Amino acid sequence: MNTDRVGAGRMYALSLIFSILFAVTGFSYNVWRMEVTEQNSNIRTASFEMLLVLASLEQSVYAAYYDQDSQEGSPRKGWVRVGLIADLSMMTAPTVVNHAADLKQVWSDHWESIEEHQESVDAVVEAIDQVRADIKRVLAALE
């Protein structure tokens, strides 16, 4: 009988250890999964907002060049949008950050001549398209 008690005690101890290991493993996985989900949610939110601001910037460029609309095509509005794109890019991926910085530089080089020169419009729109394409790649790669 004494041997049965020792065997039962060992079995109880082993099941207790297994239960604790299983609980710790499950909890660790849950915490990791929640962190990944939160990070992906932040990336999605920033990406969608950037897509909206990119479209708005593109509309401003077209309004300045094609419509000669100094209100909608205001360079100040463009600077604000370009700055917001650069700020939001920090929440996405390094490639988006780099292309957002390129967009800011292209805007800096061309904003004064957008109303008169198709080449400036094309340069800014190409930079916008590059950021947009990077954002789509980042969104497609999320877990």
Protein backbone atom coordinates (compact mmCIF):
# COMPACT_ATOMS: atom_id res chain seq x y z
CA MET A 1 0.00 0.00 0.00
CA ASN A 2 2.82 2.34 0.79
CA THR A 3 4.19 1.81 -2.71
CA ASP A 4 0.83 2.78 -4.20
CA ARG A 5 0.87 6.03 -2.24
CA VAL A 6 4.35 6.89 -3.48
CA GLY A 7 3.35 6.10 -7.06
CA ALA A 8 0.18 8.15 -6.76
CA GLY A 9 2.13 11.03 -5.24
CA ARG A 10 4.62 10.96 -8.09
CA MET A 11 1.83 10.83 -10.63
CA TYR A 12 0.13 13.77 -8.93
CA ALA A 13 3.41 15.75 -8.90
CA LEU A 14 4.03 14.98 -12.58
CA SER A 15 0.52 16.01 -13.57
CA LEU A 16 0.87 19.18 -11.50
CA ILE A 17 4.17 20.07 -13.21
CA PHE A 18 2.69 19.29 -16.62
CA SER A 19 -0.35 21.47 -15.87
CA ILE A 20 1.83 24.39 -14.78
CA LEU A 21 4.04 24.07 -17.88
CA PHE A 22 0.99 23.88 -20.10
CA ALA A 23 -0.54 26.98 -18.45
CA VAL A 24 2.69 28.98 -18.71
CA THR A 25 3.15 27.99 -22.36
CA GLY A 26 -0.44 28.90 -23.20
CA PHE A 27 -0.18 32.23 -21.39
CA SER A 28 3.12 33.06 -23.12
CA TYR A 29 1.67 32.29 -26.53
CA ASN A 30 -1.42 34.38 -25.77
CA VAL A 31 0.70 37.39 -24.72
CA TRP A 32 2.87 37.07 -27.85
CA ARG A 33 -0.18 36.76 -30.10
CA MET A 34 -1.80 39.83 -28.54
CA GLU A 35 1.37 41.87 -29.09
CA VAL A 36 1.55 40.83 -32.74
CA THR A 37 -2.14 41.59 -33.21
CA GLU A 38 -1.74 45.05 -31.65
CA GLN A 39 1.30 45.81 -33.78
CA ASN A 40 -0.52 44.70 -36.94
CA SER A 41 -3.52 46.80 -35.97
CA ASN A 42 -1.31 49.88 -35.56
CA ILE A 43 0.35 49.24 -38.92
CA ARG A 44 -3.04 48.84 -40.61
CA THR A 45 -4.42 52.01 -39.06
CA ALA A 46 -1.36 54.07 -40.03
CA SER A 47 -1.33 52.55 -43.51
CA PHE A 48 -4.98 53.27 -44.23
CA GLU A 49 -4.60 56.82 -42.96
CA MET A 50 -1.52 57.27 -45.16
CA LEU A 51 -3.43 56.01 -48.20
CA LEU A 52 -6.09 58.66 -47.55
CA VAL A 53 -3.51 61.42 -47.13
CA LEU A 54 -1.62 60.27 -50.24
CA ALA A 55 -4.83 60.51 -52.27
CA SER A 56 -5.47 63.96 -50.84
CA LEU A 57 -1.95 65.09 -51.73
CA GLU A 58 -2.33 63.72 -55.26
CA GLN A 59 -5.64 65.58 -55.60
CA SER A 60 -3.92 68.80 -54.47
CA VAL A 61 -1.17 68.35 -57.04
CA TYR A 62 -3.71 67.82 -59.80
CA ALA A 63 -5.78 70.80 -58.62
CA ALA A 64 -2.70 73.02 -58.66
CA TYR A 65 -1.58 71.96 -62.14
CA TYR A 66 -4.69 71.10 -64.12
CA ASP A 67 -7.26 73.34 -62.42
CA GLN A 68 -4.91 76.16 -61.43
CA ASP A 69 -6.80 76.13 -58.14
CA SER A 70 -4.62 77.91 -55.60
CA GLN A 71 -6.99 77.04 -52.75
CA GLU A 72 -7.15 73.27 -53.21
CA GLY A 73 -3.64 73.13 -54.66
CA SER A 74 -2.10 75.23 -51.91
CA PRO A 75 1.54 74.36 -51.21
CA ARG A 76 0.88 74.81 -47.48
CA LYS A 77 -1.71 72.05 -47.61
CA GLY A 78 0.79 69.95 -49.53
CA TRP A 79 3.50 70.51 -46.92
CA VAL A 80 1.13 69.50 -44.13
CA ARG A 81 0.11 66.34 -45.99
CA VAL A 82 3.70 65.41 -46.83
CA GLY A 83 4.67 65.93 -43.19
CA LEU A 84 1.79 63.78 -42.00
CA ILE A 85 2.78 61.03 -44.42
CA ALA A 86 6.34 61.10 -43.10
CA ASP A 87 5.10 61.01 -39.50
CA LEU A 88 2.69 58.12 -40.07
CA SER A 89 5.28 56.14 -42.00
CA MET A 90 7.20 55.65 -38.75
CA MET A 91 4.47 53.25 -37.65
CA THR A 92 4.78 51.01 -40.70
CA ALA A 93 7.89 49.45 -42.27
CA PRO A 94 11.40 50.72 -43.06
CA THR A 95 10.74 50.71 -46.82
CA VAL A 96 7.70 52.93 -46.33
CA VAL A 97 9.73 55.25 -44.09
CA ASN A 98 12.40 55.53 -46.79
CA HIS A 99 9.94 56.19 -49.60
CA ALA A 100 8.03 58.70 -47.48
CA ALA A 101 11.33 60.53 -46.94
CA ASP A 102 11.92 60.38 -50.70
CA LEU A 103 8.45 61.83 -51.27
CA LYS A 104 9.23 64.65 -48.85
CA GLN A 105 12.44 65.40 -50.74
CA VAL A 106 10.70 65.27 -54.14
CA TRP A 107 7.99 67.59 -52.80
CA SER A 108 10.68 69.93 -51.47
CA ASP A 109 12.38 69.98 -54.87
CA HIS A 110 9.21 70.49 -56.93
CA TRP A 111 6.46 72.21 -54.91
CA GLU A 112 7.23 75.66 -56.33
CA SER A 113 6.91 74.55 -59.95
CA ILE A 114 3.90 72.21 -59.76
CA GLU A 115 1.50 74.81 -61.13
CA GLU A 116 3.53 75.30 -64.33
CA HIS A 117 5.57 72.14 -65.04
CA GLN A 118 4.24 68.70 -65.93
CA GLU A 119 7.64 67.23 -64.99
CA SER A 120 7.16 68.39 -61.40
CA VAL A 121 3.68 66.90 -61.28
CA ASP A 122 5.00 63.62 -62.67
CA ALA A 123 7.86 63.50 -60.14
CA VAL A 124 5.57 64.07 -57.17
CA VAL A 125 2.92 61.62 -58.41
CA GLU A 126 5.60 58.98 -59.03
CA ALA A 127 6.86 59.42 -55.46
CA ILE A 128 3.28 59.16 -54.18
CA ASP A 129 2.78 55.97 -56.18
CA GLN A 130 5.96 54.47 -54.72
CA VAL A 131 4.79 55.07 -51.15
CA ARG A 132 1.35 53.70 -52.03
CA ALA A 133 2.87 50.53 -53.53
CA ASP A 134 5.04 50.01 -50.43
CA ILE A 135 2.04 50.39 -48.16
CA LYS A 136 0.14 47.76 -50.15
CA ARG A 137 3.09 45.36 -49.85
CA VAL A 138 3.26 45.91 -46.09
CA LEU A 139 -0.48 45.32 -45.69
CA ALA A 140 -0.34 42.16 -47.78
CA ALA A 141 2.50 40.78 -45.65
CA LEU A 142 0.76 41.21 -42.28
CA GLU A 143 0.09 38.03 -40.30
